[in-house]
N, C-alpha and C. Protein backbone atom coordinates (compact mmCIF):
# COMPACT_ATOMS: atom_id res chain seq x y z
N MET A 1 -19.46 26.11 -0.91
CA MET A 1 -18.49 25.92 -1.96
C MET A 1 -19.21 25.46 -3.23
N LYS A 2 -18.91 26.11 -4.32
CA LYS A 2 -19.49 25.73 -5.61
C LYS A 2 -18.60 24.67 -6.25
N TYR A 3 -19.21 23.56 -6.64
CA TYR A 3 -18.45 22.48 -7.25
C TYR A 3 -18.33 22.69 -8.76
N PRO A 4 -17.14 22.41 -9.31
CA PRO A 4 -16.95 22.56 -10.75
C PRO A 4 -17.75 21.50 -11.52
N ASN A 5 -18.02 21.79 -12.80
CA ASN A 5 -18.79 20.83 -13.58
C ASN A 5 -17.91 19.66 -14.02
N LYS A 6 -18.56 18.62 -14.50
CA LYS A 6 -17.89 17.38 -14.87
C LYS A 6 -16.84 17.59 -15.96
N ASP A 7 -17.12 18.45 -16.94
CA ASP A 7 -16.16 18.72 -18.02
C ASP A 7 -14.87 19.34 -17.48
N TYR A 8 -15.00 20.26 -16.52
CA TYR A 8 -13.82 20.89 -15.94
C TYR A 8 -12.99 19.87 -15.16
N ILE A 9 -13.67 18.99 -14.43
CA ILE A 9 -12.97 17.94 -13.67
C ILE A 9 -12.18 17.05 -14.63
N GLU A 10 -12.81 16.67 -15.73
CA GLU A 10 -12.12 15.82 -16.72
C GLU A 10 -10.94 16.55 -17.34
N HIS A 11 -11.10 17.86 -17.58
CA HIS A 11 -9.99 18.68 -18.09
C HIS A 11 -8.81 18.64 -17.11
N LEU A 12 -9.09 18.83 -15.83
CA LEU A 12 -8.03 18.79 -14.82
C LEU A 12 -7.35 17.42 -14.79
N ARG A 13 -8.15 16.37 -14.89
CA ARG A 13 -7.59 15.01 -14.83
C ARG A 13 -6.70 14.72 -16.04
N ARG A 14 -7.04 15.30 -17.19
CA ARG A 14 -6.17 15.13 -18.38
C ARG A 14 -4.90 15.97 -18.24
N LYS A 15 -5.05 17.17 -17.70
CA LYS A 15 -3.91 18.10 -17.57
C LYS A 15 -2.93 17.66 -16.48
N TYR A 16 -3.45 17.10 -15.38
CA TYR A 16 -2.63 16.71 -14.24
C TYR A 16 -2.89 15.25 -13.86
N PRO A 17 -2.51 14.29 -14.72
CA PRO A 17 -2.75 12.89 -14.37
C PRO A 17 -1.88 12.46 -13.18
N PRO A 18 -2.24 11.36 -12.52
CA PRO A 18 -1.40 10.86 -11.43
C PRO A 18 0.06 10.74 -11.89
N GLY A 19 0.97 11.16 -11.01
CA GLY A 19 2.39 11.12 -11.33
C GLY A 19 2.94 12.45 -11.82
N THR A 20 2.06 13.39 -12.17
CA THR A 20 2.50 14.71 -12.62
C THR A 20 3.19 15.42 -11.46
N ARG A 21 4.29 16.08 -11.76
CA ARG A 21 5.03 16.82 -10.74
C ARG A 21 4.62 18.29 -10.76
N LEU A 22 4.34 18.84 -9.58
CA LEU A 22 3.94 20.24 -9.43
C LEU A 22 4.83 20.91 -8.40
N GLN A 23 4.95 22.24 -8.54
CA GLN A 23 5.68 23.04 -7.57
C GLN A 23 4.75 24.12 -7.05
N LEU A 24 4.66 24.23 -5.75
CA LEU A 24 3.77 25.20 -5.10
C LEU A 24 4.38 26.59 -5.09
N SER A 25 3.58 27.59 -5.47
CA SER A 25 3.98 28.99 -5.32
C SER A 25 3.41 29.54 -4.02
N CYS A 26 2.08 29.41 -3.84
CA CYS A 26 1.45 29.81 -2.59
C CYS A 26 0.11 29.10 -2.45
N THR A 27 -0.33 28.98 -1.21
CA THR A 27 -1.59 28.32 -0.91
C THR A 27 -2.32 29.08 0.19
N GLU A 28 -3.63 28.93 0.23
CA GLU A 28 -4.45 29.59 1.25
C GLU A 28 -4.69 28.68 2.45
N ASP A 29 -4.02 27.53 2.51
CA ASP A 29 -4.23 26.55 3.58
C ASP A 29 -3.74 27.09 4.92
N ASP A 30 -4.42 26.69 6.00
CA ASP A 30 -4.03 27.12 7.35
C ASP A 30 -2.71 26.48 7.79
N PHE A 31 -2.41 25.29 7.26
CA PHE A 31 -1.18 24.57 7.60
C PHE A 31 -0.46 24.20 6.31
N PRO A 32 0.07 25.21 5.60
CA PRO A 32 0.60 24.98 4.26
C PRO A 32 1.96 24.26 4.25
N VAL A 33 2.27 23.67 3.11
CA VAL A 33 3.65 23.27 2.87
C VAL A 33 4.36 24.54 2.40
N PRO A 34 5.65 24.63 2.58
CA PRO A 34 6.36 25.88 2.23
C PRO A 34 6.31 26.19 0.73
N PRO A 35 6.24 27.47 0.38
CA PRO A 35 6.34 27.85 -1.03
C PRO A 35 7.62 27.27 -1.64
N GLY A 36 7.51 26.82 -2.88
CA GLY A 36 8.65 26.20 -3.55
C GLY A 36 8.67 24.69 -3.40
N SER A 37 7.81 24.16 -2.51
CA SER A 37 7.75 22.71 -2.32
C SER A 37 7.33 22.03 -3.60
N MET A 38 7.86 20.84 -3.82
CA MET A 38 7.51 20.05 -4.99
C MET A 38 6.85 18.76 -4.54
N GLY A 39 5.96 18.25 -5.41
CA GLY A 39 5.26 17.02 -5.08
C GLY A 39 4.69 16.37 -6.31
N THR A 40 4.01 15.25 -6.07
CA THR A 40 3.46 14.42 -7.14
C THR A 40 1.96 14.30 -6.98
N VAL A 41 1.24 14.47 -8.10
CA VAL A 41 -0.22 14.32 -8.09
C VAL A 41 -0.57 12.87 -7.77
N ASP A 42 -1.47 12.68 -6.81
CA ASP A 42 -1.98 11.36 -6.47
C ASP A 42 -3.28 11.11 -7.25
N PHE A 43 -4.24 12.05 -7.10
CA PHE A 43 -5.50 11.97 -7.83
C PHE A 43 -6.22 13.30 -7.74
N ILE A 44 -7.25 13.46 -8.56
CA ILE A 44 -8.11 14.64 -8.52
C ILE A 44 -9.49 14.17 -8.14
N ASP A 45 -10.05 14.73 -7.08
CA ASP A 45 -11.36 14.29 -6.60
C ASP A 45 -12.49 14.95 -7.40
N ASP A 46 -13.72 14.58 -7.08
CA ASP A 46 -14.88 15.07 -7.81
C ASP A 46 -15.18 16.55 -7.56
N ALA A 47 -14.49 17.15 -6.58
CA ALA A 47 -14.63 18.58 -6.32
C ALA A 47 -13.56 19.38 -7.04
N GLY A 48 -12.65 18.69 -7.75
CA GLY A 48 -11.60 19.37 -8.50
C GLY A 48 -10.35 19.66 -7.68
N GLN A 49 -10.25 19.11 -6.48
CA GLN A 49 -9.06 19.31 -5.67
C GLN A 49 -7.98 18.33 -6.11
N ILE A 50 -6.76 18.83 -6.26
CA ILE A 50 -5.63 18.01 -6.70
C ILE A 50 -4.93 17.49 -5.44
N HIS A 51 -5.09 16.20 -5.19
CA HIS A 51 -4.47 15.58 -4.01
C HIS A 51 -3.02 15.26 -4.32
N MET A 52 -2.15 15.76 -3.45
CA MET A 52 -0.70 15.71 -3.67
C MET A 52 0.00 14.89 -2.61
N ASN A 53 1.09 14.26 -3.02
CA ASN A 53 2.07 13.68 -2.10
C ASN A 53 3.31 14.56 -2.23
N TRP A 54 3.53 15.39 -1.22
CA TRP A 54 4.64 16.35 -1.27
C TRP A 54 5.94 15.65 -0.90
N ASP A 55 7.04 16.11 -1.49
CA ASP A 55 8.35 15.52 -1.24
C ASP A 55 8.75 15.61 0.23
N CYS A 56 8.19 16.57 0.96
CA CYS A 56 8.49 16.73 2.38
C CYS A 56 7.77 15.71 3.25
N GLY A 57 6.95 14.84 2.61
CA GLY A 57 6.26 13.80 3.35
C GLY A 57 4.81 14.12 3.68
N ARG A 58 4.37 15.32 3.40
CA ARG A 58 2.99 15.71 3.69
C ARG A 58 2.06 15.36 2.54
N SER A 59 0.79 15.26 2.85
CA SER A 59 -0.26 15.13 1.85
C SER A 59 -1.17 16.33 2.02
N LEU A 60 -1.33 17.11 0.97
CA LEU A 60 -2.16 18.31 1.03
C LEU A 60 -2.71 18.57 -0.36
N ALA A 61 -4.02 18.78 -0.44
CA ALA A 61 -4.65 19.02 -1.74
C ALA A 61 -4.51 20.48 -2.16
N LEU A 62 -4.38 20.67 -3.47
CA LEU A 62 -4.37 22.01 -4.05
C LEU A 62 -5.74 22.30 -4.66
N ILE A 63 -6.15 23.55 -4.62
CA ILE A 63 -7.41 23.96 -5.22
C ILE A 63 -7.09 24.91 -6.38
N PRO A 64 -7.29 24.44 -7.62
CA PRO A 64 -7.03 25.32 -8.77
C PRO A 64 -7.88 26.59 -8.67
N GLY A 65 -7.28 27.72 -8.98
CA GLY A 65 -7.99 28.99 -8.89
C GLY A 65 -7.88 29.65 -7.52
N VAL A 66 -7.44 28.89 -6.52
CA VAL A 66 -7.22 29.42 -5.18
C VAL A 66 -5.73 29.37 -4.87
N ASP A 67 -5.16 28.19 -5.05
CA ASP A 67 -3.74 27.99 -4.81
C ASP A 67 -2.96 28.24 -6.10
N SER A 68 -1.73 28.69 -5.96
CA SER A 68 -0.89 28.97 -7.11
C SER A 68 0.21 27.91 -7.18
N PHE A 69 0.34 27.29 -8.37
CA PHE A 69 1.32 26.23 -8.56
C PHE A 69 1.67 26.13 -10.03
N SER A 70 2.75 25.42 -10.32
CA SER A 70 3.15 25.22 -11.71
C SER A 70 3.52 23.76 -11.93
N ARG A 71 3.35 23.36 -13.17
CA ARG A 71 3.69 21.99 -13.55
C ARG A 71 5.18 21.93 -13.86
N LEU A 72 5.85 20.90 -13.35
CA LEU A 72 7.26 20.70 -13.64
C LEU A 72 7.38 19.78 -14.86
N PRO A 73 8.43 19.95 -15.65
CA PRO A 73 8.59 19.08 -16.82
C PRO A 73 8.79 17.63 -16.39
N SER A 74 8.20 16.72 -17.15
CA SER A 74 8.39 15.29 -16.86
C SER A 74 9.77 14.86 -17.31
N SER A 75 10.21 13.69 -16.87
CA SER A 75 11.52 13.20 -17.29
C SER A 75 11.56 13.01 -18.80
N LYS A 76 10.42 12.65 -19.41
CA LYS A 76 10.35 12.49 -20.85
C LYS A 76 10.54 13.84 -21.54
N GLU A 77 9.90 14.89 -21.00
CA GLU A 77 10.04 16.23 -21.56
C GLU A 77 11.47 16.74 -21.40
N LYS A 78 12.10 16.44 -20.26
CA LYS A 78 13.49 16.85 -20.03
C LYS A 78 14.42 16.16 -21.03
N ALA A 79 14.19 14.87 -21.29
CA ALA A 79 15.03 14.12 -22.23
C ALA A 79 14.93 14.72 -23.63
N GLY A 80 13.74 15.19 -24.01
CA GLY A 80 13.55 15.82 -25.31
C GLY A 80 14.29 17.14 -25.43
N ASP A 81 14.43 17.85 -24.31
CA ASP A 81 15.14 19.14 -24.31
C ASP A 81 16.65 18.94 -24.45
N ALA A 82 17.15 17.79 -24.06
CA ALA A 82 18.58 17.55 -24.04
C ALA A 82 19.15 17.22 -25.44
N ARG A 83 18.28 17.03 -26.40
CA ARG A 83 18.75 16.65 -27.73
C ARG A 83 19.41 17.78 -28.45
């Protein structure tokens, strides 16, 4: 496995800080959470894997570029849309 460089890791950490909500589209994991599952970013490790706490109670890391997922709007972003 090729590890991403430090700048890319920092980019991921800025883009997906702890508490960010994500929704899974698909994953290459052998024991995946179901597509459409939502969860919260716990942390991003030095290999660039996004460690998640899924709403279904599971913990499973996402790998950017391998797994497909989208960021959900934060409550602050939702409040701004309601104006």
